[in-house]
Amino acid sequence: MPATDALTNRQRLVLRAFTTVAVVEAFTWVGLLTGMYFKYLAADTTEVGVKVFGPLHGAAFVAYLVLSVLAWRVLRWHWLTGLAALVCSVPPLFTVVFEVWAARTGRLTPSRSRERVLV
């Protein structure tokens, strides 16, 4: 197998994992925010949502950070693009916003990411 084919396969694997985890991270944010609503604001003071979605969101958050750095390297993003991916992990649902923006601007296209120099 030529080196370029292996790189393309690796890029596709990272892309698939990155986009999947971006969406999972957003869904766990919604679950955690819903759980926090019921724990702190609603008349029903149950902690089940926080106990379930807290660890799930923590794991998804760490996975997103790791995959952002990996995608940054494998897809050869400009440093500002990589930094934007990391910053978008903090506000709720911004991982999906970043993923949509990156897809629309060609940063999630393996063949075009290598050629892209600017943000």
N, C-alpha and C. Protein backbone atom coordinates (compact mmCIF):
# COMPACT_ATOMS: atom_id res chain seq x y z
N MET A 1 0.84 -1.17 0.00
CA MET A 1 0.00 0.00 0.00
C MET A 1 0.89 1.24 0.00
N PRO A 2 0.71 2.15 -0.93
CA PRO A 2 1.51 3.37 -0.97
C PRO A 2 1.27 4.24 0.26
N ALA A 3 2.27 5.06 0.57
CA ALA A 3 2.19 5.91 1.76
C ALA A 3 1.03 6.90 1.68
N THR A 4 0.73 7.39 0.48
CA THR A 4 -0.35 8.37 0.35
C THR A 4 -1.70 7.74 0.64
N ASP A 5 -1.89 6.46 0.27
CA ASP A 5 -3.15 5.78 0.57
C ASP A 5 -3.31 5.59 2.07
N ALA A 6 -2.23 5.24 2.77
CA ALA A 6 -2.30 5.05 4.21
C ALA A 6 -2.61 6.37 4.91
N LEU A 7 -2.03 7.45 4.44
CA LEU A 7 -2.30 8.76 5.04
C LEU A 7 -3.75 9.15 4.82
N THR A 8 -4.26 8.90 3.65
CA THR A 8 -5.65 9.22 3.37
C THR A 8 -6.58 8.40 4.25
N ASN A 9 -6.28 7.13 4.43
CA ASN A 9 -7.11 6.28 5.30
C ASN A 9 -7.04 6.76 6.75
N ARG A 10 -5.85 7.15 7.18
CA ARG A 10 -5.70 7.66 8.54
C ARG A 10 -6.47 8.97 8.70
N GLN A 11 -6.41 9.82 7.70
CA GLN A 11 -7.15 11.08 7.75
C GLN A 11 -8.65 10.81 7.83
N ARG A 12 -9.12 9.89 7.04
CA ARG A 12 -10.56 9.57 7.06
C ARG A 12 -11.00 9.01 8.40
N LEU A 13 -10.16 8.18 8.99
CA LEU A 13 -10.48 7.62 10.30
C LEU A 13 -10.54 8.73 11.35
N VAL A 14 -9.58 9.63 11.34
CA VAL A 14 -9.58 10.75 12.28
C VAL A 14 -10.79 11.64 12.05
N LEU A 15 -11.11 11.90 10.79
CA LEU A 15 -12.28 12.73 10.46
C LEU A 15 -13.56 12.12 11.00
N ARG A 16 -13.74 10.85 10.78
CA ARG A 16 -14.95 10.16 11.24
C ARG A 16 -15.05 10.22 12.76
N ALA A 17 -13.94 9.94 13.42
CA ALA A 17 -13.94 9.97 14.89
C ALA A 17 -14.18 11.39 15.40
N PHE A 18 -13.54 12.38 14.79
CA PHE A 18 -13.67 13.77 15.22
C PHE A 18 -15.11 14.25 15.09
N THR A 19 -15.73 14.02 13.93
CA THR A 19 -17.10 14.50 13.74
C THR A 19 -18.08 13.76 14.65
N THR A 20 -17.88 12.49 14.86
CA THR A 20 -18.75 11.72 15.74
C THR A 20 -18.65 12.23 17.18
N VAL A 21 -17.43 12.42 17.65
CA VAL A 21 -17.25 12.86 19.03
C VAL A 21 -17.73 14.30 19.21
N ALA A 22 -17.62 15.14 18.18
CA ALA A 22 -18.13 16.51 18.27
C ALA A 22 -19.64 16.50 18.54
N VAL A 23 -20.36 15.63 17.86
CA VAL A 23 -21.81 15.54 18.05
C VAL A 23 -22.13 14.90 19.40
N VAL A 24 -21.42 13.86 19.77
CA VAL A 24 -21.65 13.20 21.07
C VAL A 24 -21.39 14.18 22.21
N GLU A 25 -20.34 14.98 22.08
CA GLU A 25 -20.02 15.97 23.12
C GLU A 25 -21.16 16.97 23.28
N ALA A 26 -21.73 17.39 22.16
CA ALA A 26 -22.85 18.34 22.21
C ALA A 26 -24.08 17.70 22.87
N PHE A 27 -24.39 16.45 22.53
CA PHE A 27 -25.54 15.77 23.14
C PHE A 27 -25.35 15.57 24.64
N THR A 28 -24.13 15.24 25.06
CA THR A 28 -23.90 15.07 26.50
C THR A 28 -23.98 16.41 27.22
N TRP A 29 -23.61 17.50 26.54
CA TRP A 29 -23.79 18.84 27.12
C TRP A 29 -25.27 19.09 27.38
N VAL A 30 -26.10 18.79 26.40
CA VAL A 30 -27.54 18.99 26.55
C VAL A 30 -28.06 18.14 27.71
N GLY A 31 -27.63 16.90 27.79
CA GLY A 31 -28.05 16.04 28.90
C GLY A 31 -27.60 16.58 30.25
N LEU A 32 -26.37 17.06 30.32
CA LEU A 32 -25.87 17.61 31.57
C LEU A 32 -26.60 18.89 31.96
N LEU A 33 -26.84 19.77 30.99
CA LEU A 33 -27.57 21.00 31.27
C LEU A 33 -29.00 20.70 31.72
N THR A 34 -29.63 19.71 31.11
CA THR A 34 -30.97 19.30 31.52
C THR A 34 -30.94 18.74 32.94
N GLY A 35 -29.97 17.91 33.21
CA GLY A 35 -29.82 17.37 34.57
C GLY A 35 -29.58 18.46 35.60
N MET A 36 -28.79 19.46 35.25
CA MET A 36 -28.53 20.57 36.17
C MET A 36 -29.79 21.40 36.39
N TYR A 37 -30.60 21.54 35.35
CA TYR A 37 -31.87 22.25 35.51
C TYR A 37 -32.74 21.55 36.56
N PHE A 38 -32.88 20.24 36.42
CA PHE A 38 -33.73 19.50 37.36
C PHE A 38 -33.12 19.44 38.76
N LYS A 39 -31.81 19.47 38.85
CA LYS A 39 -31.17 19.42 40.16
C LYS A 39 -31.28 20.76 40.90
N TYR A 40 -31.09 21.86 40.18
CA TYR A 40 -30.98 23.15 40.85
C TYR A 40 -32.19 24.08 40.70
N LEU A 41 -32.93 23.99 39.60
CA LEU A 41 -33.97 24.98 39.34
C LEU A 41 -35.39 24.44 39.44
N ALA A 42 -35.61 23.24 39.07
CA ALA A 42 -36.97 22.70 39.09
C ALA A 42 -37.37 22.33 40.52
N ALA A 43 -38.65 22.19 40.72
CA ALA A 43 -39.15 21.79 42.04
C ALA A 43 -38.66 20.39 42.41
N ASP A 44 -38.48 19.56 41.37
CA ASP A 44 -37.98 18.20 41.56
C ASP A 44 -36.46 18.28 41.71
N THR A 45 -35.93 17.93 42.85
CA THR A 45 -34.50 18.06 43.08
C THR A 45 -33.79 16.71 42.94
N THR A 46 -33.89 16.14 41.77
CA THR A 46 -33.23 14.86 41.52
C THR A 46 -31.82 15.10 40.96
N GLU A 47 -30.92 14.24 41.30
CA GLU A 47 -29.54 14.35 40.83
C GLU A 47 -29.21 13.31 39.76
N VAL A 48 -30.18 12.55 39.32
CA VAL A 48 -29.93 11.47 38.38
C VAL A 48 -29.31 11.98 37.08
N GLY A 49 -29.85 13.05 36.53
CA GLY A 49 -29.32 13.58 35.26
C GLY A 49 -27.87 13.99 35.36
N VAL A 50 -27.50 14.62 36.47
CA VAL A 50 -26.12 15.06 36.66
C VAL A 50 -25.22 13.85 36.89
N LYS A 51 -25.70 12.89 37.66
CA LYS A 51 -24.89 11.69 37.93
C LYS A 51 -24.66 10.86 36.67
N VAL A 52 -25.63 10.86 35.76
CA VAL A 52 -25.50 10.09 34.52
C VAL A 52 -24.69 10.87 33.48
N PHE A 53 -25.11 12.11 33.22
CA PHE A 53 -24.50 12.86 32.14
C PHE A 53 -23.19 13.55 32.51
N GLY A 54 -22.93 13.75 33.80
CA GLY A 54 -21.66 14.35 34.22
C GLY A 54 -20.46 13.55 33.74
N PRO A 55 -20.37 12.28 34.11
CA PRO A 55 -19.24 11.47 33.65
C PRO A 55 -19.22 11.26 32.12
N LEU A 56 -20.42 11.11 31.53
CA LEU A 56 -20.47 10.94 30.07
C LEU A 56 -19.93 12.18 29.36
N HIS A 57 -20.34 13.35 29.85
CA HIS A 57 -19.86 14.58 29.24
C HIS A 57 -18.37 14.76 29.48
N GLY A 58 -17.90 14.42 30.66
CA GLY A 58 -16.46 14.52 30.95
C GLY A 58 -15.64 13.67 29.99
N ALA A 59 -16.09 12.45 29.76
CA ALA A 59 -15.38 11.56 28.84
C ALA A 59 -15.45 12.08 27.41
N ALA A 60 -16.63 12.57 27.00
CA ALA A 60 -16.77 13.11 25.64
C ALA A 60 -15.93 14.37 25.47
N PHE A 61 -15.84 15.20 26.49
CA PHE A 61 -15.04 16.42 26.45
C PHE A 61 -13.56 16.09 26.26
N VAL A 62 -13.06 15.16 27.04
CA VAL A 62 -11.65 14.77 26.92
C VAL A 62 -11.39 14.12 25.56
N ALA A 63 -12.30 13.27 25.10
CA ALA A 63 -12.15 12.64 23.79
C ALA A 63 -12.13 13.70 22.68
N TYR A 64 -12.98 14.71 22.80
CA TYR A 64 -13.01 15.79 21.80
C TYR A 64 -11.68 16.55 21.80
N LEU A 65 -11.14 16.85 22.96
CA LEU A 65 -9.86 17.55 23.02
C LEU A 65 -8.75 16.74 22.37
N VAL A 66 -8.70 15.45 22.69
CA VAL A 66 -7.67 14.58 22.11
C VAL A 66 -7.83 14.49 20.60
N LEU A 67 -9.06 14.30 20.13
CA LEU A 67 -9.30 14.19 18.69
C LEU A 67 -9.10 15.52 17.97
N SER A 68 -9.32 16.63 18.64
CA SER A 68 -9.04 17.93 18.04
C SER A 68 -7.55 18.09 17.77
N VAL A 69 -6.74 17.73 18.75
CA VAL A 69 -5.29 17.81 18.58
C VAL A 69 -4.83 16.83 17.50
N LEU A 70 -5.39 15.64 17.50
CA LEU A 70 -5.04 14.65 16.48
C LEU A 70 -5.44 15.12 15.08
N ALA A 71 -6.66 15.66 14.96
CA ALA A 71 -7.11 16.18 13.66
C ALA A 71 -6.25 17.36 13.23
N TRP A 72 -5.89 18.20 14.16
CA TRP A 72 -5.03 19.35 13.90
C TRP A 72 -3.73 18.88 13.24
N ARG A 73 -3.19 17.82 13.78
CA ARG A 73 -1.91 17.31 13.25
C ARG A 73 -2.10 16.53 11.94
N VAL A 74 -3.04 15.60 11.93
CA VAL A 74 -3.21 14.72 10.77
C VAL A 74 -3.74 15.49 9.56
N LEU A 75 -4.66 16.42 9.80
CA LEU A 75 -5.24 17.18 8.69
C LEU A 75 -4.44 18.44 8.37
N ARG A 76 -3.40 18.68 9.15
CA ARG A 76 -2.49 19.81 8.94
C ARG A 76 -3.22 21.15 8.94
N TRP A 77 -4.03 21.34 9.97
CA TRP A 77 -4.73 22.59 10.12
C TRP A 77 -3.77 23.71 10.45
N HIS A 78 -4.13 24.92 10.08
CA HIS A 78 -3.42 26.12 10.52
C HIS A 78 -3.57 26.19 12.04
N TRP A 79 -2.63 26.82 12.72
CA TRP A 79 -2.67 26.83 14.18
C TRP A 79 -3.93 27.53 14.70
N LEU A 80 -4.45 28.52 13.99
CA LEU A 80 -5.67 29.19 14.44
C LEU A 80 -6.90 28.26 14.34
N THR A 81 -6.90 27.41 13.33
CA THR A 81 -8.00 26.45 13.20
C THR A 81 -7.97 25.45 14.35
N GLY A 82 -6.79 24.94 14.66
CA GLY A 82 -6.66 24.02 15.79
C GLY A 82 -7.03 24.66 17.11
N LEU A 83 -6.61 25.89 17.30
CA LEU A 83 -6.95 26.61 18.52
C LEU A 83 -8.46 26.84 18.60
N ALA A 84 -9.08 27.17 17.48
CA ALA A 84 -10.54 27.36 17.45
C ALA A 84 -11.26 26.07 17.83
N ALA A 85 -10.77 24.94 17.36
CA ALA A 85 -11.39 23.65 17.71
C ALA A 85 -11.32 23.43 19.22
N LEU A 86 -10.18 23.75 19.82
CA LEU A 86 -10.03 23.56 21.26
C LEU A 86 -10.91 24.54 22.05
N VAL A 87 -10.96 25.78 21.62
CA VAL A 87 -11.78 26.78 22.32
C VAL A 87 -13.26 26.44 22.21
N CYS A 88 -13.67 25.88 21.08
CA CYS A 88 -15.08 25.52 20.88
C CYS A 88 -15.53 24.35 21.74
N SER A 89 -14.61 23.73 22.46
CA SER A 89 -15.00 22.64 23.36
C SER A 89 -15.62 23.17 24.65
N VAL A 90 -15.43 24.45 24.95
CA VAL A 90 -15.88 24.99 26.23
C VAL A 90 -17.35 25.42 26.22
N PRO A 91 -17.79 26.30 25.30
CA PRO A 91 -19.21 26.70 25.34
C PRO A 91 -20.12 25.55 24.89
N PRO A 92 -21.30 25.46 25.50
CA PRO A 92 -22.22 24.38 25.11
C PRO A 92 -22.55 24.41 23.62
N LEU A 93 -22.49 23.26 23.00
CA LEU A 93 -22.88 22.99 21.61
C LEU A 93 -21.95 23.60 20.56
N PHE A 94 -20.87 24.25 20.94
CA PHE A 94 -19.98 24.86 19.97
C PHE A 94 -19.12 23.84 19.23
N THR A 95 -19.04 22.61 19.73
CA THR A 95 -18.30 21.59 18.98
C THR A 95 -18.99 21.32 17.65
N VAL A 96 -20.32 21.34 17.67
CA VAL A 96 -21.07 21.14 16.42
C VAL A 96 -20.94 22.37 15.53
N VAL A 97 -20.96 23.55 16.13
CA VAL A 97 -20.78 24.78 15.36
C VAL A 97 -19.43 24.74 14.65
N PHE A 98 -18.38 24.35 15.37
CA PHE A 98 -17.05 24.26 14.75
C PHE A 98 -17.03 23.21 13.65
N GLU A 99 -17.63 22.06 13.90
CA GLU A 99 -17.63 20.98 12.92
C GLU A 99 -18.34 21.40 11.64
N VAL A 100 -19.47 22.09 11.76
CA VAL A 100 -20.19 22.57 10.57
C VAL A 100 -19.36 23.60 9.83
N TRP A 101 -18.77 24.54 10.57
CA TRP A 101 -17.92 25.58 9.94
C TRP A 101 -16.72 24.94 9.24
N ALA A 102 -16.07 24.00 9.91
CA ALA A 102 -14.89 23.36 9.33
C ALA A 102 -15.27 22.56 8.08
N ALA A 103 -16.42 21.92 8.09
CA ALA A 103 -16.87 21.16 6.91
C ALA A 103 -17.16 22.11 5.75
N ARG A 104 -17.83 23.22 6.04
CA ARG A 104 -18.19 24.17 4.97
C ARG A 104 -16.98 24.86 4.37
N THR A 105 -15.93 25.04 5.16
CA THR A 105 -14.74 25.73 4.67
C THR A 105 -13.67 24.77 4.15
N GLY A 106 -13.97 23.48 4.10
CA GLY A 106 -13.06 22.51 3.53
C GLY A 106 -11.99 22.00 4.46
N ARG A 107 -12.06 22.34 5.73
CA ARG A 107 -11.04 21.88 6.67
C ARG A 107 -11.24 20.42 7.09
N LEU A 108 -12.38 19.86 6.77
CA LEU A 108 -12.63 18.45 7.08
C LEU A 108 -12.59 17.59 5.83
N THR A 109 -12.01 18.10 4.77
CA THR A 109 -11.81 17.34 3.54
C THR A 109 -10.34 16.95 3.49
N PRO A 110 -10.04 15.66 3.60
CA PRO A 110 -8.63 15.25 3.71
C PRO A 110 -7.73 15.80 2.61
N SER A 111 -8.17 15.76 1.38
CA SER A 111 -7.29 16.19 0.30
C SER A 111 -7.08 17.70 0.31
N ARG A 112 -8.10 18.47 0.74
CA ARG A 112 -7.98 19.92 0.74
C ARG A 112 -7.32 20.44 2.02
N SER A 113 -7.38 19.70 3.14
CA SER A 113 -6.82 20.20 4.39
C SER A 113 -5.32 20.38 4.31
N ARG A 114 -4.65 19.47 3.60
CA ARG A 114 -3.20 19.56 3.50
C ARG A 114 -2.77 20.80 2.75
N GLU A 115 -3.56 21.20 1.76
CA GLU A 115 -3.19 22.34 0.95
C GLU A 115 -3.52 23.67 1.61
N ARG A 116 -4.41 23.66 2.58
CA ARG A 116 -4.87 24.88 3.21
C ARG A 116 -3.78 25.43 4.14
N VAL A 117 -3.43 26.69 3.95
CA VAL A 117 -2.39 27.31 4.74
C VAL A 117 -2.97 28.31 5.73
N LEU A 118 -3.94 29.07 5.29
CA LEU A 118 -4.53 30.11 6.13
C LEU A 118 -5.79 29.62 6.82
N VAL A 119 -6.22 30.38 7.80
CA VAL A 119 -7.46 30.08 8.51
C VAL A 119 -8.56 30.36 7.58
